[in-house]
Amino acid sequence: MGKIAVLGLGPSLALYDKSQFELSVGVNDIWRSAETDVVVCLNSANSFAQERLRYIQQCKPIAFWSQTVEWDYRSEFRKIDFQPGYPDRICNLDLPALPKSFCSPFVATVIAWKYYAATEIHLFGVDMLSHPHLDRALCSKISHHFVMLRDALSVKGCRIIVHGNGILTQVI
């Protein structure tokens, strides 16, 4: 496919211009800000506030990826199977199951490459500077996982470009 945007919900999402990309992959309730082609939602419905949940329930992407089968009522549902553990030493992209981290944009990035043939993945809104559930230690692990993913994707001919001033700009 080529050039794909992966969208989180952070401040740098404001830099995203849909016309520059062949496909967009967003996470969770991204449709409150941008109508992406694909949605990745790793959380169960009861973990979202009602307003956020409404956007997730009403979105109409071409594919809705989750490991949580409670979303399988959706016609566009695609099941994710995860590798055990986290990519602390190496990120293996050659297995049928996907590597995971502690944030949905990581998985969305893997999906962009594995299922939509991305050769260039642009991250917008993946800042994680003021995320309510991510502390410094968790952000450090996420950054490390993205470094492992960057290296694994580089071997496959795909690169990651980070937009904004979030935690990943230091490592990718």
Protein backbone atom coordinates (compact mmCIF):
# COMPACT_ATOMS: atom_id res chain seq x y z
CA MET A 1 0.00 0.00 0.00
CA GLY A 2 2.75 2.48 0.87
CA LYS A 3 2.34 5.54 3.05
CA ILE A 4 0.01 5.00 6.03
CA ALA A 5 -0.92 7.26 8.96
CA VAL A 6 -1.37 5.81 12.45
CA LEU A 7 -3.42 8.12 14.65
CA GLY A 8 -3.56 8.39 18.41
CA LEU A 9 -5.52 11.02 20.30
CA GLY A 10 -2.68 13.30 21.46
CA PRO A 11 -2.03 16.96 20.51
CA SER A 12 0.04 16.20 17.39
CA LEU A 13 -3.10 14.76 15.78
CA ALA A 14 -3.70 18.39 14.71
CA LEU A 15 -0.77 17.99 12.25
CA TYR A 16 -2.49 15.16 10.34
CA ASP A 17 -3.64 15.77 6.76
CA LYS A 18 -5.60 12.80 5.38
CA SER A 19 -4.88 13.78 1.78
CA GLN A 20 -1.20 12.88 2.24
CA PHE A 21 -1.84 9.19 2.98
CA GLU A 22 -3.14 6.11 1.23
CA LEU A 23 -4.72 4.72 4.41
CA SER A 24 -5.31 5.78 8.00
CA VAL A 25 -5.37 3.58 11.09
CA GLY A 26 -6.74 5.12 14.29
CA VAL A 27 -7.18 3.91 17.83
CA ASN A 28 -10.17 3.73 20.14
CA ASP A 29 -12.50 6.73 19.74
CA ILE A 30 -10.43 8.36 17.01
CA TRP A 31 -13.62 9.06 15.04
CA ARG A 32 -14.38 11.99 17.34
CA SER A 33 -11.44 13.72 15.60
CA ALA A 34 -10.80 11.88 12.32
CA GLU A 35 -12.72 9.28 10.33
CA THR A 36 -10.01 6.70 9.77
CA ASP A 37 -10.16 3.79 7.35
CA VAL A 38 -9.23 1.30 10.08
CA VAL A 39 -9.79 1.32 13.87
CA VAL A 40 -7.79 -0.60 16.48
CA CYS A 41 -9.46 -0.97 19.88
CA LEU A 42 -7.71 -3.13 22.47
CA ASN A 43 -9.91 -2.24 25.43
CA SER A 44 -13.25 -3.65 26.45
CA ALA A 45 -16.30 -1.42 26.09
CA ASN A 46 -16.71 -0.96 29.84
CA SER A 47 -13.29 0.71 30.11
CA PHE A 48 -14.52 3.77 28.17
CA ALA A 49 -16.61 6.69 29.37
CA GLN A 50 -20.03 6.81 27.66
CA GLU A 51 -19.13 9.62 25.24
CA ARG A 52 -15.94 7.87 24.09
CA LEU A 53 -17.78 4.56 23.79
CA ARG A 54 -20.44 6.16 21.61
CA TYR A 55 -17.79 7.21 19.05
CA ILE A 56 -16.35 3.70 19.02
CA GLN A 57 -19.75 2.09 18.59
CA GLN A 58 -20.80 4.48 15.81
CA CYS A 59 -17.59 4.46 13.74
CA LYS A 60 -17.76 2.79 10.32
CA PRO A 61 -14.22 1.80 9.30
CA ILE A 62 -13.41 -0.81 6.66
CA ALA A 63 -11.84 -2.92 9.44
CA PHE A 64 -12.12 -2.90 13.23
CA TRP A 65 -9.23 -4.78 14.88
CA SER A 66 -9.31 -6.09 18.45
CA GLN A 67 -8.23 -9.04 20.54
CA THR A 68 -11.40 -8.57 22.61
CA VAL A 69 -14.13 -10.72 21.12
CA GLU A 70 -16.87 -8.58 22.64
CA TRP A 71 -16.47 -6.44 19.50
CA ASP A 72 -17.08 -9.38 17.15
CA TYR A 73 -20.72 -8.34 16.57
CA ARG A 74 -19.32 -5.71 14.19
CA SER A 75 -19.35 -6.79 10.54
CA GLU A 76 -15.88 -5.30 10.02
CA PHE A 77 -14.36 -7.05 13.08
CA ARG A 78 -10.90 -8.59 12.66
CA LYS A 79 -9.43 -10.71 15.48
CA ILE A 80 -5.94 -9.97 16.81
CA ASP A 81 -3.85 -12.74 18.33
CA PHE A 82 -0.88 -11.57 20.39
CA GLN A 83 2.52 -13.09 20.96
CA PRO A 84 3.24 -13.87 24.62
CA GLY A 85 5.27 -11.27 26.50
CA TYR A 86 6.61 -7.97 25.21
CA PRO A 87 9.29 -7.14 22.62
CA ASP A 88 11.99 -6.20 25.14
CA ARG A 89 14.91 -7.68 23.18
CA ILE A 90 13.56 -8.23 19.70
CA CYS A 91 10.32 -7.56 17.88
CA ASN A 92 9.39 -10.60 15.81
CA LEU A 93 7.20 -9.65 12.86
CA ASP A 94 7.42 -13.07 11.18
CA LEU A 95 4.97 -14.92 13.44
CA PRO A 96 1.22 -15.05 12.75
CA ALA A 97 0.55 -13.50 16.18
CA LEU A 98 1.37 -9.82 16.67
CA PRO A 99 3.84 -8.27 19.11
CA LYS A 100 2.24 -5.98 21.67
CA SER A 101 3.09 -3.09 23.93
CA PHE A 102 1.19 -1.06 26.50
CA CYS A 103 -0.46 1.26 23.97
CA SER A 104 -2.82 0.81 21.05
CA PRO A 105 -0.75 2.85 18.54
CA PHE A 106 2.04 0.26 18.79
CA VAL A 107 -0.36 -2.48 17.69
CA ALA A 108 -1.88 -0.16 15.06
CA THR A 109 1.63 0.34 13.63
CA VAL A 110 2.19 -3.41 13.40
CA ILE A 111 -1.21 -3.84 11.73
CA ALA A 112 -0.40 -1.07 9.22
CA TRP A 113 2.68 -2.99 8.12
CA LYS A 114 1.48 -6.59 8.39
CA TYR A 115 -2.00 -6.29 6.89
CA TYR A 116 -1.87 -3.12 4.79
CA ALA A 117 1.68 -3.34 3.38
CA ALA A 118 2.95 -0.03 4.74
CA THR A 119 6.39 1.04 3.60
CA GLU A 120 6.24 4.32 5.52
CA ILE A 121 4.22 4.77 8.73
CA HIS A 122 3.57 8.26 10.07
CA LEU A 123 2.55 8.58 13.71
CA PHE A 124 0.26 11.47 14.68
CA GLY A 125 -1.28 11.97 18.11
CA VAL A 126 1.05 9.37 19.63
CA ASP A 127 2.53 11.91 22.05
CA MET A 128 1.78 10.24 25.41
CA LEU A 129 2.85 13.36 27.29
CA SER A 130 -0.31 13.73 29.36
CA HIS A 131 -1.96 10.34 29.04
CA PRO A 132 -3.98 9.63 32.20
CA HIS A 133 -2.92 5.95 32.43
CA LEU A 134 0.75 6.12 31.48
CA ASP A 135 3.43 7.01 34.02
CA ARG A 136 7.13 7.61 33.33
CA ALA A 137 8.12 3.94 33.78
CA LEU A 138 5.41 2.71 31.41
CA CYS A 139 6.28 5.40 28.84
CA SER A 140 9.90 4.28 29.02
CA LYS A 141 8.86 0.69 28.24
CA ILE A 142 6.62 1.87 25.39
CA SER A 143 9.49 3.91 23.93
CA HIS A 144 11.77 0.87 24.12
CA HIS A 145 9.16 -1.31 22.41
CA PHE A 146 8.83 1.25 19.61
CA VAL A 147 12.63 1.19 19.16
CA MET A 148 12.47 -2.59 18.79
CA LEU A 149 9.58 -2.19 16.33
CA ARG A 150 11.42 0.51 14.38
CA ASP A 151 14.42 -1.79 14.01
CA ALA A 152 12.28 -4.78 12.95
CA LEU A 153 10.34 -2.70 10.42
CA SER A 154 13.55 -1.23 9.03
CA VAL A 155 14.75 -4.73 8.13
CA LYS A 156 11.42 -5.22 6.30
CA GLY A 157 11.85 -1.99 4.30
CA CYS A 158 9.41 0.11 6.30
CA ARG A 159 10.20 3.23 8.28
CA ILE A 160 8.40 5.07 11.06
CA ILE A 161 8.12 8.88 11.09
CA VAL A 162 6.94 10.57 14.28
CA HIS A 163 5.12 13.90 14.13
CA GLY A 164 4.88 16.25 17.09
CA ASN A 165 6.90 16.49 20.27
CA GLY A 166 5.88 13.39 22.19
CA ILE A 167 7.96 10.74 23.92
CA LEU A 168 8.80 8.92 20.68
CA THR A 169 10.57 11.86 19.02
CA GLN A 170 13.62 11.08 21.17
CA VAL A 171 13.88 7.47 20.04
CA ILE A 172 12.51 7.21 16.51
